[in-house]
Amino acid sequence: MDKKDLKSMYRTSALESYATVDVETKTSEQNPHRLVSLLFEKGCVLLRQSEEQLKKEELEGFYHSTSHAMQIVLGLREILDVEQGGQLAVQLFETYTAIAASLSKARSEKDLTSIGKLYTALTELREGWEAIS
């Protein structure tokens, strides 16, 4: 391993450590509404990253970003209280299910257009959430 590779490895490790501390700091001091906003924000960032990674044919990063985005979408779905939330919660559950299915298909087909549409959908959900919270 040459000096350049070693330096890159340390930089990546430092950035990952910083991101972990940043997430821990944000989540330990926030209310539940803010935490959901952070999930939406991260999901949108991951979908944008996956678009860029796919354009550059960085498939490992693309698969990682889309997998992480999928976990967030499924997490958003699972925190819904369908019994207490009424029709809106049911509709959101169905929406998150459809987004997850579409993301899975777009991921397997490496479909840039679909990833863009999913980004738009998640952004609209985020904006709706922020408007009511």
Protein backbone atom coordinates (compact mmCIF):
# COMPACT_ATOMS: atom_id res chain seq x y z
CA MET A 1 0.00 0.00 0.00
CA ASP A 2 1.56 3.28 -1.05
CA LYS A 3 1.42 6.57 0.83
CA LYS A 4 -1.47 7.92 -1.27
CA ASP A 5 -3.66 4.86 -0.59
CA LEU A 6 -2.84 4.99 3.12
CA LYS A 7 -3.70 8.70 3.30
CA SER A 8 -7.01 8.08 1.50
CA MET A 9 -7.82 5.22 3.88
CA TYR A 10 -7.19 7.42 6.94
CA ARG A 11 -9.26 10.24 5.47
CA THR A 12 -12.18 7.88 4.81
CA SER A 13 -11.92 6.49 8.33
CA ALA A 14 -11.84 9.99 9.83
CA LEU A 15 -14.89 11.06 7.82
CA GLU A 16 -16.81 7.95 8.88
CA SER A 17 -15.91 8.58 12.52
CA TYR A 18 -17.01 12.20 12.25
CA ALA A 19 -20.28 11.18 10.62
CA THR A 20 -20.95 8.70 13.43
CA VAL A 21 -20.31 11.32 16.12
CA ASP A 22 -22.42 13.85 14.20
CA VAL A 23 -25.34 11.40 13.97
CA GLU A 24 -25.02 10.45 17.64
CA THR A 25 -25.00 14.12 18.64
CA LYS A 26 -28.01 14.97 16.48
CA THR A 27 -30.07 11.98 17.60
CA SER A 28 -29.32 12.12 21.33
CA GLU A 29 -30.61 15.66 21.68
CA GLN A 30 -33.65 15.69 19.39
CA ASN A 31 -37.37 15.14 19.75
CA PRO A 32 -39.14 12.42 17.75
CA HIS A 33 -40.41 14.86 15.09
CA ARG A 34 -36.88 16.09 14.45
CA LEU A 35 -35.57 12.52 14.29
CA VAL A 36 -38.08 11.68 11.54
CA SER A 37 -36.96 14.82 9.69
CA LEU A 38 -33.36 13.61 9.96
CA LEU A 39 -34.37 10.24 8.52
CA PHE A 40 -36.05 11.93 5.56
CA GLU A 41 -33.02 14.17 5.08
CA LYS A 42 -30.60 11.24 5.13
CA GLY A 43 -32.80 9.20 2.78
CA CYS A 44 -32.84 12.06 0.27
CA VAL A 45 -29.08 12.51 0.52
CA LEU A 46 -28.55 8.79 -0.06
CA LEU A 47 -30.76 8.77 -3.14
CA ARG A 48 -28.87 11.76 -4.57
CA GLN A 49 -25.58 10.01 -3.82
CA SER A 50 -26.79 6.84 -5.50
CA GLU A 51 -27.68 8.84 -8.63
CA GLU A 52 -24.19 10.30 -8.80
CA GLN A 53 -22.56 6.96 -8.08
CA LEU A 54 -24.56 5.26 -10.82
CA LYS A 55 -23.63 8.00 -13.30
CA LYS A 56 -19.97 7.42 -12.46
CA GLU A 57 -20.47 3.63 -12.51
CA GLU A 58 -19.36 3.36 -8.88
CA LEU A 59 -21.51 0.30 -8.31
CA GLU A 60 -20.27 -0.59 -4.83
CA GLY A 61 -21.18 2.87 -3.57
CA PHE A 62 -24.47 2.75 -5.49
CA TYR A 63 -25.46 -0.52 -3.85
CA HIS A 64 -24.44 0.75 -0.41
CA SER A 65 -26.37 4.03 -0.80
CA THR A 66 -29.51 2.38 -2.12
CA SER A 67 -29.40 -0.29 0.61
CA HIS A 68 -29.10 2.38 3.29
CA ALA A 69 -31.92 4.41 1.70
CA MET A 70 -34.06 1.25 1.67
CA GLN A 71 -33.41 0.72 5.38
CA ILE A 72 -34.54 4.28 6.07
CA VAL A 73 -37.74 3.94 4.02
CA LEU A 74 -38.58 0.66 5.75
CA GLY A 75 -37.76 2.24 9.11
CA LEU A 76 -40.12 5.13 8.39
CA ARG A 77 -42.80 2.61 7.50
CA GLU A 78 -42.26 0.57 10.65
CA ILE A 79 -42.53 3.50 13.06
CA LEU A 80 -46.04 4.32 11.83
CA ASP A 81 -48.80 3.58 14.31
CA VAL A 82 -51.41 2.27 11.87
CA GLU A 83 -53.93 1.51 14.62
CA GLN A 84 -53.78 4.98 16.20
CA GLY A 85 -52.92 6.96 13.06
CA GLY A 86 -56.06 6.19 11.12
CA GLN A 87 -56.35 6.45 7.34
CA LEU A 88 -53.35 8.75 6.97
CA ALA A 89 -51.06 6.22 8.64
CA VAL A 90 -52.43 3.46 6.40
CA GLN A 91 -51.83 5.59 3.30
CA LEU A 92 -48.29 6.40 4.43
CA PHE A 93 -47.64 2.71 5.13
CA GLU A 94 -48.74 1.89 1.58
CA THR A 95 -46.67 4.76 0.17
CA TYR A 96 -43.51 3.62 1.96
CA THR A 97 -44.17 0.06 0.79
CA ALA A 98 -44.47 1.25 -2.81
CA ILE A 99 -41.30 3.36 -2.50
CA ALA A 100 -39.40 0.38 -1.10
CA ALA A 101 -40.60 -1.89 -3.91
CA SER A 102 -39.73 0.72 -6.54
CA LEU A 103 -36.32 1.29 -4.98
CA SER A 104 -35.62 -2.42 -5.00
CA LYS A 105 -36.53 -2.61 -8.69
CA ALA A 106 -34.57 0.54 -9.60
CA ARG A 107 -31.57 -0.81 -7.71
CA SER A 108 -31.59 -4.17 -9.45
CA GLU A 109 -32.10 -2.57 -12.87
CA LYS A 110 -29.69 0.31 -12.16
CA ASP A 111 -32.44 2.67 -13.34
CA LEU A 112 -31.28 6.27 -13.00
CA THR A 113 -34.65 7.74 -13.98
CA SER A 114 -36.49 5.76 -11.32
CA ILE A 115 -33.97 6.74 -8.66
CA GLY A 116 -34.63 10.38 -9.57
CA LYS A 117 -38.38 9.88 -9.25
CA LEU A 118 -37.91 8.21 -5.87
CA TYR A 119 -35.80 11.14 -4.73
CA THR A 120 -38.64 13.47 -5.75
CA ALA A 121 -41.22 11.36 -3.90
CA LEU A 122 -39.15 11.22 -0.70
CA THR A 123 -38.45 14.95 -0.92
CA GLU A 124 -42.19 15.66 -1.16
CA LEU A 125 -42.86 13.44 1.85
CA ARG A 126 -40.09 15.24 3.76
CA GLU A 127 -41.55 18.63 2.89
CA GLY A 128 -45.01 17.47 3.99
CA TRP A 129 -43.62 16.20 7.28
CA GLU A 130 -41.75 19.45 7.91
CA ALA A 131 -44.90 21.47 7.16
CA ILE A 132 -46.85 19.70 9.93
CA SER A 133 -44.11 19.35 12.53
